N, C-alpha and C. Protein backbone atom coordinates (compact mmCIF):
# COMPACT_ATOMS: atom_id res chain seq x y z
N MET A 1 5.66 12.11 -12.71
CA MET A 1 5.75 11.23 -11.87
C MET A 1 5.00 11.01 -11.42
N GLU A 2 3.66 9.84 -11.21
CA GLU A 2 2.66 10.55 -10.14
C GLU A 2 3.54 9.22 -9.03
N ARG A 3 2.85 9.57 -7.60
CA ARG A 3 3.12 8.67 -6.69
C ARG A 3 1.82 8.76 -6.34
N THR A 4 1.85 7.30 -5.39
CA THR A 4 0.79 6.76 -4.58
C THR A 4 1.42 6.55 -3.27
N PHE A 5 0.38 5.75 -2.63
CA PHE A 5 0.79 5.16 -1.25
C PHE A 5 0.60 3.59 -1.34
N VAL A 6 1.86 2.75 -0.24
CA VAL A 6 0.73 1.50 -0.07
C VAL A 6 1.67 1.02 1.31
N MET A 7 0.53 0.50 2.14
CA MET A 7 0.94 0.31 2.47
C MET A 7 0.58 -1.29 2.60
N ILE A 8 2.14 -2.27 3.17
CA ILE A 8 1.07 -3.89 3.61
C ILE A 8 1.40 -4.06 4.90
N LYS A 9 -0.11 -4.58 5.03
CA LYS A 9 -0.70 -4.86 6.56
C LYS A 9 -0.32 -5.60 7.54
N PRO A 10 -0.22 -5.85 8.30
CA PRO A 10 -0.08 -6.52 9.16
C PRO A 10 0.16 -8.10 9.44
N ASP A 11 -1.20 -8.90 8.80
CA ASP A 11 -0.98 -9.85 8.36
C ASP A 11 0.21 -10.27 7.67
N ALA A 12 0.34 -9.07 6.62
CA ALA A 12 1.97 -9.92 5.23
C ALA A 12 2.59 -9.78 6.50
N VAL A 13 2.72 -8.59 7.11
CA VAL A 13 4.13 -8.50 7.86
C VAL A 13 4.49 -10.03 8.83
N GLN A 14 3.30 -10.55 9.41
CA GLN A 14 3.73 -11.55 10.59
C GLN A 14 3.92 -12.33 9.49
N ARG A 15 2.79 -12.98 7.88
CA ARG A 15 3.42 -13.65 7.33
C ARG A 15 4.42 -14.39 6.69
N GLY A 16 5.43 -12.91 6.85
CA GLY A 16 6.85 -12.68 6.49
C GLY A 16 6.84 -12.49 5.10
N LEU A 17 5.66 -12.30 4.49
CA LEU A 17 5.86 -11.50 2.52
C LEU A 17 5.80 -10.51 2.39
N VAL A 18 6.83 -9.44 3.29
CA VAL A 18 6.94 -8.35 2.23
C VAL A 18 8.05 -7.92 1.95
N GLY A 19 8.91 -8.97 1.76
CA GLY A 19 9.85 -9.36 1.10
C GLY A 19 9.50 -9.92 -0.87
N GLU A 20 8.70 -10.44 -0.41
CA GLU A 20 7.77 -10.83 -1.82
C GLU A 20 6.83 -9.48 -2.42
N ILE A 21 6.31 -9.08 -1.64
CA ILE A 21 5.50 -8.10 -1.81
C ILE A 21 6.11 -6.71 -2.54
N ILE A 22 6.81 -6.57 -2.07
CA ILE A 22 7.99 -5.57 -1.95
C ILE A 22 8.72 -5.86 -3.75
N GLN A 23 8.99 -6.63 -3.91
CA GLN A 23 9.18 -7.33 -5.25
C GLN A 23 9.18 -7.25 -6.68
N ARG A 24 7.44 -7.64 -6.30
CA ARG A 24 6.18 -7.15 -7.50
C ARG A 24 6.46 -5.83 -7.96
N PHE A 25 6.28 -4.80 -6.36
CA PHE A 25 6.20 -3.81 -7.11
C PHE A 25 7.38 -2.98 -8.25
N GLU A 26 8.33 -3.52 -7.63
CA GLU A 26 9.97 -3.07 -7.91
C GLU A 26 9.83 -3.52 -9.08
N ARG A 27 9.44 -4.79 -9.81
CA ARG A 27 9.80 -5.84 -11.07
C ARG A 27 9.25 -5.08 -11.50
N ARG A 28 7.73 -4.43 -11.22
CA ARG A 28 5.93 -3.85 -12.17
C ARG A 28 7.54 -2.34 -12.79
N GLY A 29 8.30 -1.84 -12.19
CA GLY A 29 8.69 -0.14 -12.62
C GLY A 29 8.69 0.70 -12.19
N LEU A 30 7.76 -0.16 -10.93
CA LEU A 30 7.18 1.10 -9.91
C LEU A 30 9.07 1.81 -8.54
N LYS A 31 9.00 2.81 -8.79
CA LYS A 31 10.18 3.09 -7.84
C LYS A 31 9.54 3.63 -6.38
N ILE A 32 10.71 2.64 -5.26
CA ILE A 32 10.16 3.18 -3.89
C ILE A 32 11.34 4.51 -3.32
N VAL A 33 10.00 5.70 -2.81
CA VAL A 33 11.18 6.53 -2.88
C VAL A 33 10.34 7.33 -1.41
N ALA A 34 9.55 5.96 -0.95
CA ALA A 34 10.04 6.56 0.60
C ALA A 34 9.58 5.05 2.04
N MET A 35 10.14 4.70 3.07
CA MET A 35 9.47 3.17 2.96
C MET A 35 9.98 2.82 4.58
N LYS A 36 9.08 2.46 5.69
CA LYS A 36 9.32 3.02 6.98
C LYS A 36 8.50 1.50 7.63
N LEU A 37 8.74 1.02 8.71
CA LEU A 37 7.83 -0.11 9.78
C LEU A 37 7.24 0.76 10.39
N VAL A 38 6.41 0.52 10.32
CA VAL A 38 5.22 1.48 11.83
C VAL A 38 4.38 0.94 12.50
N HIS A 39 4.97 0.28 14.10
CA HIS A 39 3.31 0.51 14.72
C HIS A 39 2.13 1.17 14.72
N VAL A 40 1.29 1.10 14.24
CA VAL A 40 0.32 2.17 13.12
C VAL A 40 -0.10 2.92 14.96
N SER A 41 -0.61 3.46 15.38
CA SER A 41 -1.17 3.86 16.83
C SER A 41 -3.06 4.13 16.23
N ARG A 42 -3.67 4.22 17.24
CA ARG A 42 -4.95 4.10 16.92
C ARG A 42 -5.55 6.11 16.55
N GLU A 43 -5.31 6.42 17.00
CA GLU A 43 -4.67 7.88 16.46
C GLU A 43 -4.93 7.77 14.87
N LEU A 44 -3.47 7.45 14.16
CA LEU A 44 -2.77 7.40 12.86
C LEU A 44 -3.97 6.74 12.03
N ALA A 45 -4.48 5.51 12.99
CA ALA A 45 -5.23 4.32 11.85
C ALA A 45 -6.68 4.75 11.79
N GLU A 46 -7.23 5.59 12.48
CA GLU A 46 -8.72 6.75 13.02
C GLU A 46 -8.05 7.64 11.74
N LYS A 47 -7.53 8.16 11.61
CA LYS A 47 -7.13 9.70 10.85
C LYS A 47 -7.22 8.75 8.99
N HIS A 48 -6.55 7.94 8.94
CA HIS A 48 -6.14 7.44 7.67
C HIS A 48 -7.63 6.68 7.43
N TYR A 49 -8.12 5.95 8.43
CA TYR A 49 -9.60 5.35 7.52
C TYR A 49 -11.12 5.49 7.68
N GLU A 50 -10.84 7.37 8.54
CA GLU A 50 -12.18 7.98 8.76
C GLU A 50 -13.15 7.94 7.48
N VAL A 51 -12.80 8.12 6.01
CA VAL A 51 -14.06 7.91 5.71
C VAL A 51 -14.53 6.62 5.63
N HIS A 52 -14.34 5.69 6.84
CA HIS A 52 -15.03 4.43 6.87
C HIS A 52 -15.93 4.50 8.53
N LYS A 53 -15.49 6.20 9.15
CA LYS A 53 -15.97 5.84 10.45
C LYS A 53 -17.66 5.42 10.97
N GLU A 54 -18.48 5.07 9.94
CA GLU A 54 -19.99 5.49 10.28
C GLU A 54 -20.29 3.66 9.33
N ARG A 55 -19.38 2.93 8.95
CA ARG A 55 -19.30 1.95 7.60
C ARG A 55 -19.01 0.70 9.52
N PRO A 56 -19.83 -0.07 9.23
CA PRO A 56 -20.19 -1.51 10.54
C PRO A 56 -18.70 -2.25 10.35
N PHE A 57 -17.48 -2.24 9.81
CA PHE A 57 -16.55 -3.09 9.94
C PHE A 57 -15.64 -1.60 10.55
N TYR A 58 -15.51 -0.41 10.82
CA TYR A 58 -14.60 0.32 10.71
C TYR A 58 -13.70 0.21 12.26
N PRO A 59 -14.67 -0.52 13.73
CA PRO A 59 -14.35 -0.97 14.75
C PRO A 59 -13.32 -2.41 14.81
N GLY A 60 -13.37 -2.94 13.88
CA GLY A 60 -12.12 -4.28 13.85
C GLY A 60 -11.71 -3.97 12.27
N LEU A 61 -11.78 -3.19 10.96
CA LEU A 61 -10.51 -2.12 10.81
C LEU A 61 -10.01 -1.71 11.47
N ILE A 62 -9.94 -1.09 12.66
CA ILE A 62 -8.46 -0.30 12.94
C ILE A 62 -8.31 -1.11 14.33
N ALA A 63 -9.21 -2.13 15.18
CA ALA A 63 -8.22 -3.42 15.72
C ALA A 63 -7.22 -4.13 14.74
N TYR A 64 -7.20 -4.67 14.04
CA TYR A 64 -6.03 -4.99 12.71
C TYR A 64 -5.03 -4.27 12.83
N ILE A 65 -5.57 -2.66 12.06
CA ILE A 65 -4.24 -2.56 11.50
C ILE A 65 -3.32 -1.81 12.68
N THR A 66 -4.24 -1.98 13.90
CA THR A 66 -3.06 -1.63 14.83
C THR A 66 -2.70 -2.58 15.54
N SER A 67 -3.08 -3.65 14.93
CA SER A 67 -2.79 -5.40 15.65
C SER A 67 -1.22 -5.60 15.29
N GLY A 68 -0.58 -4.53 15.10
CA GLY A 68 1.42 -4.90 14.88
C GLY A 68 2.19 -4.28 13.69
N PRO A 69 2.60 -4.51 13.31
CA PRO A 69 3.41 -3.56 12.51
C PRO A 69 3.04 -4.01 10.82
N VAL A 70 3.07 -2.25 10.02
CA VAL A 70 3.11 -2.38 8.70
C VAL A 70 4.44 -1.55 7.79
N VAL A 71 3.98 -1.95 7.09
CA VAL A 71 5.76 -1.51 6.04
C VAL A 71 4.79 -0.45 5.34
N ALA A 72 4.96 1.34 5.64
CA ALA A 72 4.33 1.92 4.32
C ALA A 72 5.54 2.29 3.81
N MET A 73 4.69 2.64 2.22
CA MET A 73 5.67 3.07 1.35
C MET A 73 4.89 4.20 0.46
N VAL A 74 5.43 4.80 -0.41
CA VAL A 74 5.39 5.56 -1.18
C VAL A 74 6.20 5.31 -2.57
N LEU A 75 5.08 5.15 -3.45
CA LEU A 75 5.31 4.04 -4.86
C LEU A 75 6.19 5.60 -6.02
N GLU A 76 6.76 5.39 -6.62
CA GLU A 76 6.74 6.78 -7.43
C GLU A 76 6.86 5.30 -9.71
N GLY A 77 6.08 6.41 -9.74
CA GLY A 77 6.18 5.98 -11.44
C GLY A 77 5.00 6.28 -12.16
N THR A 78 5.41 6.12 -13.53
CA THR A 78 4.31 6.33 -14.41
C THR A 78 2.74 6.08 -14.42
N HIS A 79 1.45 6.83 -13.78
CA HIS A 79 0.21 6.05 -13.98
C HIS A 79 0.50 4.84 -12.89
N ALA A 80 1.57 5.81 -11.65
CA ALA A 80 1.58 4.85 -10.24
C ALA A 80 0.09 4.28 -9.29
N ILE A 81 -0.34 5.12 -9.15
CA ILE A 81 -2.11 4.47 -8.69
C ILE A 81 -2.68 3.46 -9.57
N GLN A 82 -2.83 3.47 -10.41
CA GLN A 82 -3.36 1.90 -11.08
C GLN A 82 -2.04 1.26 -11.03
N ALA A 83 -1.35 1.14 -11.85
CA ALA A 83 -0.86 0.18 -12.04
C ALA A 83 -0.27 -0.94 -10.43
N ALA A 84 -0.27 0.02 -9.07
CA ALA A 84 -0.05 0.06 -8.32
C ALA A 84 -1.21 -1.13 -7.59
N ARG A 85 -2.47 -0.51 -8.04
CA ARG A 85 -3.29 -0.73 -7.09
C ARG A 85 -4.08 -2.42 -8.58
N ASN A 86 -3.41 -2.81 -9.71
CA ASN A 86 -3.65 -3.60 -10.67
C ASN A 86 -2.54 -4.60 -10.09
N THR A 87 -1.75 -4.43 -9.52
CA THR A 87 -0.67 -5.48 -8.83
C THR A 87 -1.11 -6.09 -7.77
N MET A 88 -1.77 -5.13 -6.67
CA MET A 88 -2.36 -5.59 -5.53
C MET A 88 -3.35 -6.87 -5.75
N GLY A 89 -4.41 -6.15 -6.74
CA GLY A 89 -5.59 -6.98 -7.16
C GLY A 89 -7.05 -6.76 -6.42
N ALA A 90 -7.70 -6.83 -6.97
CA ALA A 90 -9.40 -6.80 -6.40
C ALA A 90 -8.75 -6.77 -4.92
N THR A 91 -10.04 -5.50 -3.75
CA THR A 91 -9.96 -5.67 -2.67
C THR A 91 -9.90 -6.76 -1.90
N ASN A 92 -11.18 -7.98 -2.29
CA ASN A 92 -11.64 -8.96 -2.09
C ASN A 92 -10.36 -10.32 -2.36
N PRO A 93 -10.21 -11.02 -1.79
CA PRO A 93 -8.67 -11.86 -2.18
C PRO A 93 -9.54 -12.61 -3.58
N VAL A 94 -10.74 -12.98 -3.50
CA VAL A 94 -11.06 -14.83 -4.28
C VAL A 94 -11.69 -14.04 -5.37
N ASP A 95 -11.73 -12.70 -6.01
CA ASP A 95 -11.83 -11.50 -7.14
C ASP A 95 -11.13 -11.26 -7.91
N ALA A 96 -9.51 -10.79 -6.82
CA ALA A 96 -8.55 -11.09 -7.39
C ALA A 96 -8.05 -12.09 -8.55
N ALA A 97 -7.00 -11.15 -9.74
CA ALA A 97 -6.95 -11.51 -11.16
C ALA A 97 -5.86 -13.03 -10.63
N PRO A 98 -5.90 -13.77 -11.02
CA PRO A 98 -4.53 -14.86 -10.69
C PRO A 98 -3.30 -14.23 -10.86
N GLY A 99 -2.17 -13.91 -10.18
CA GLY A 99 -0.96 -13.07 -10.55
C GLY A 99 -1.13 -11.81 -10.04
N SER A 100 -1.95 -11.24 -8.99
CA SER A 100 -2.04 -10.49 -8.27
C SER A 100 -1.34 -10.57 -6.44
N ILE A 101 -1.25 -10.07 -5.92
CA ILE A 101 -0.97 -9.91 -4.34
C ILE A 101 -2.17 -10.44 -4.30
N ARG A 102 -3.24 -10.06 -4.01
CA ARG A 102 -4.23 -10.59 -3.16
C ARG A 102 -4.60 -12.16 -3.24
N ALA A 103 -4.37 -12.53 -4.70
CA ALA A 103 -4.74 -13.54 -5.37
C ALA A 103 -3.76 -14.82 -4.71
N ASP A 104 -2.54 -14.46 -5.39
CA ASP A 104 -1.66 -15.74 -4.53
C ASP A 104 -1.34 -15.75 -3.55
N PHE A 105 -2.31 -14.21 -2.66
CA PHE A 105 -1.50 -14.76 -1.14
C PHE A 105 -3.47 -14.53 0.01
N GLY A 106 -3.99 -14.17 -0.34
CA GLY A 106 -4.70 -13.97 0.34
C GLY A 106 -6.14 -14.73 0.25
N LEU A 107 -6.92 -15.03 0.73
CA LEU A 107 -8.50 -16.06 1.20
C LEU A 107 -9.26 -14.32 1.53
N GLU A 108 -9.17 -13.86 2.46
CA GLU A 108 -10.76 -13.38 2.93
C GLU A 108 -10.31 -11.61 2.63
N ILE A 109 -11.91 -11.03 2.74
CA ILE A 109 -11.02 -9.37 2.38
C ILE A 109 -10.50 -8.70 3.68
N GLY A 110 -10.85 -9.17 4.48
CA GLY A 110 -10.56 -8.47 6.11
C GLY A 110 -9.19 -8.59 6.15
N ARG A 111 -8.36 -9.64 5.22
CA ARG A 111 -6.47 -10.03 5.19
C ARG A 111 -6.79 -10.37 4.26
N ASN A 112 -6.52 -8.89 3.59
CA ASN A 112 -5.92 -8.59 2.44
C ASN A 112 -4.50 -8.02 1.98
N LEU A 113 -4.25 -7.75 3.22
CA LEU A 113 -2.21 -8.30 2.30
C LEU A 113 -2.30 -6.58 2.40
N VAL A 114 -1.85 -5.64 1.39
CA VAL A 114 -1.88 -4.05 0.90
C VAL A 114 -3.72 -3.53 1.12
N HIS A 115 -2.88 -2.20 1.27
CA HIS A 115 -3.80 -0.96 0.98
C HIS A 115 -3.17 -0.06 -0.14
N GLY A 116 -3.95 0.40 -1.14
CA GLY A 116 -2.97 1.31 -2.15
C GLY A 116 -3.93 2.41 -1.85
N SER A 117 -3.61 3.54 -2.45
CA SER A 117 -4.78 4.59 -2.82
C SER A 117 -5.55 4.75 -3.77
N ASP A 118 -6.22 5.19 -3.39
CA ASP A 118 -7.35 4.62 -4.48
C ASP A 118 -7.40 6.02 -6.11
N GLY A 119 -6.77 6.71 -6.14
CA GLY A 119 -6.92 8.74 -6.57
C GLY A 119 -5.97 9.33 -6.46
N PRO A 120 -5.91 10.04 -6.80
CA PRO A 120 -4.48 11.39 -6.75
C PRO A 120 -4.66 12.04 -5.31
N GLU A 121 -6.41 12.51 -5.47
CA GLU A 121 -6.56 13.00 -4.14
C GLU A 121 -5.81 12.20 -2.45
N THR A 122 -6.70 10.78 -2.70
CA THR A 122 -6.66 10.17 -1.69
C THR A 122 -5.10 9.92 -1.42
N ALA A 123 -4.65 9.73 -2.83
CA ALA A 123 -2.39 9.43 -2.60
C ALA A 123 -1.88 10.59 -1.97
N ALA A 124 -2.56 12.01 -1.96
CA ALA A 124 -1.77 12.93 -1.82
C ALA A 124 -1.72 13.00 0.00
N PHE A 125 -3.28 13.03 0.18
CA PHE A 125 -3.26 12.69 2.02
C PHE A 125 -2.96 11.82 2.42
N GLU A 126 -2.89 9.98 2.24
CA GLU A 126 -2.05 9.83 2.64
C GLU A 126 -0.83 9.97 2.62
N ILE A 127 0.30 9.74 2.00
CA ILE A 127 1.37 10.27 1.23
C ILE A 127 1.67 10.98 2.37
N GLY A 128 0.33 12.92 2.61
CA GLY A 128 0.69 13.73 3.71
C GLY A 128 1.18 13.22 5.42
N LEU A 129 0.02 12.21 5.14
CA LEU A 129 -0.55 12.02 6.70
C LEU A 129 0.25 10.69 7.38
N TRP A 130 1.27 10.01 6.43
CA TRP A 130 2.10 8.78 6.68
C TRP A 130 3.39 9.48 6.56
N PHE A 131 3.62 10.16 6.42
CA PHE A 131 5.32 10.96 5.78
C PHE A 131 5.31 12.11 5.89
N GLY A 132 4.44 12.64 5.71
CA GLY A 132 4.35 14.45 5.57
C GLY A 132 6.05 15.13 4.80
N ASP A 133 6.60 15.66 5.07
CA ASP A 133 7.96 16.40 4.26
C ASP A 133 9.19 15.35 4.04
N GLU A 134 9.07 14.26 4.55
CA GLU A 134 9.96 13.45 4.44
C GLU A 134 10.50 12.89 3.55
N ILE A 135 9.68 13.02 2.33
CA ILE A 135 10.20 12.32 1.14
C ILE A 135 11.23 12.54 0.13
N PRO A 136 12.69 12.00 0.09
CA PRO A 136 13.41 12.47 -0.68
C PRO A 136 13.44 12.29 -2.00
N SER A 137 14.64 12.78 -2.89
CA SER A 137 14.13 12.72 -4.77
C SER A 137 15.59 12.33 -4.93
N TRP A 138 15.04 11.25 -5.65
CA TRP A 138 16.55 10.77 -6.07
C TRP A 138 16.52 10.29 -8.04
N ASP A 139 17.30 9.83 -7.88
CA ASP A 139 17.01 9.31 -9.66
C ASP A 139 17.74 8.19 -9.16
N ARG A 140 16.99 7.56 -9.99
CA ARG A 140 17.00 5.59 -10.24
C ARG A 140 17.32 5.50 -11.49
N ASP A 141 19.03 4.25 -11.70
CA ASP A 141 19.92 4.87 -13.64
C ASP A 141 18.94 4.11 -15.04
N VAL A 142 17.72 3.01 -13.89
CA VAL A 142 17.14 2.10 -14.51
C VAL A 142 16.09 2.52 -15.48
N ASP A 143 15.63 3.86 -14.82
CA ASP A 143 14.42 4.54 -15.13
C ASP A 143 14.27 4.59 -16.92
N ARG A 144 15.65 4.74 -17.45
CA ARG A 144 15.71 5.25 -18.85
C ARG A 144 15.32 3.98 -19.76
N TRP A 145 15.25 3.05 -18.92
CA TRP A 145 14.70 1.71 -19.65
C TRP A 145 12.58 0.81 -19.33
N ILE A 146 12.42 2.05 -18.31
CA ILE A 146 11.17 1.07 -18.21
C ILE A 146 10.45 3.02 -18.35
N PHE A 147 10.58 4.14 -18.60
CA PHE A 147 9.80 4.80 -18.86
C PHE A 147 10.13 5.62 -20.07
N GLU A 148 9.24 6.18 -20.77
CA GLU A 148 9.60 6.62 -21.88
C GLU A 148 9.76 8.18 -21.71
């Protein structure tokens, strides 16, 4: 099984969309193996977004992600990274496929509700950064109806 990191960003938390967003990942068949509500410190935000440090939008991104609580999650499933990214939709909500989280609830790229790892290396880094060794292992009875 593959694992991925997903963050429900401050705009989604403030708008009361956490339950709806979590429900979409669960309905897709992805299993939540870790989850917590976090008010992101500047230090954590800078480590998480370090790859964007030289980009012009970086200061605004750091200010935004530290502006309120987020929900950090580790999701697990077959092709979890791509399944989560497809469920979220394109980074720019106006380009996202109808039915995706970003298309249904977003209008601007700077307030796009969710973040998801873009590959296995990024997922491993982000999971370690946000959860360390805190991830429990558990069996979900319904998995036999989702995974071959």
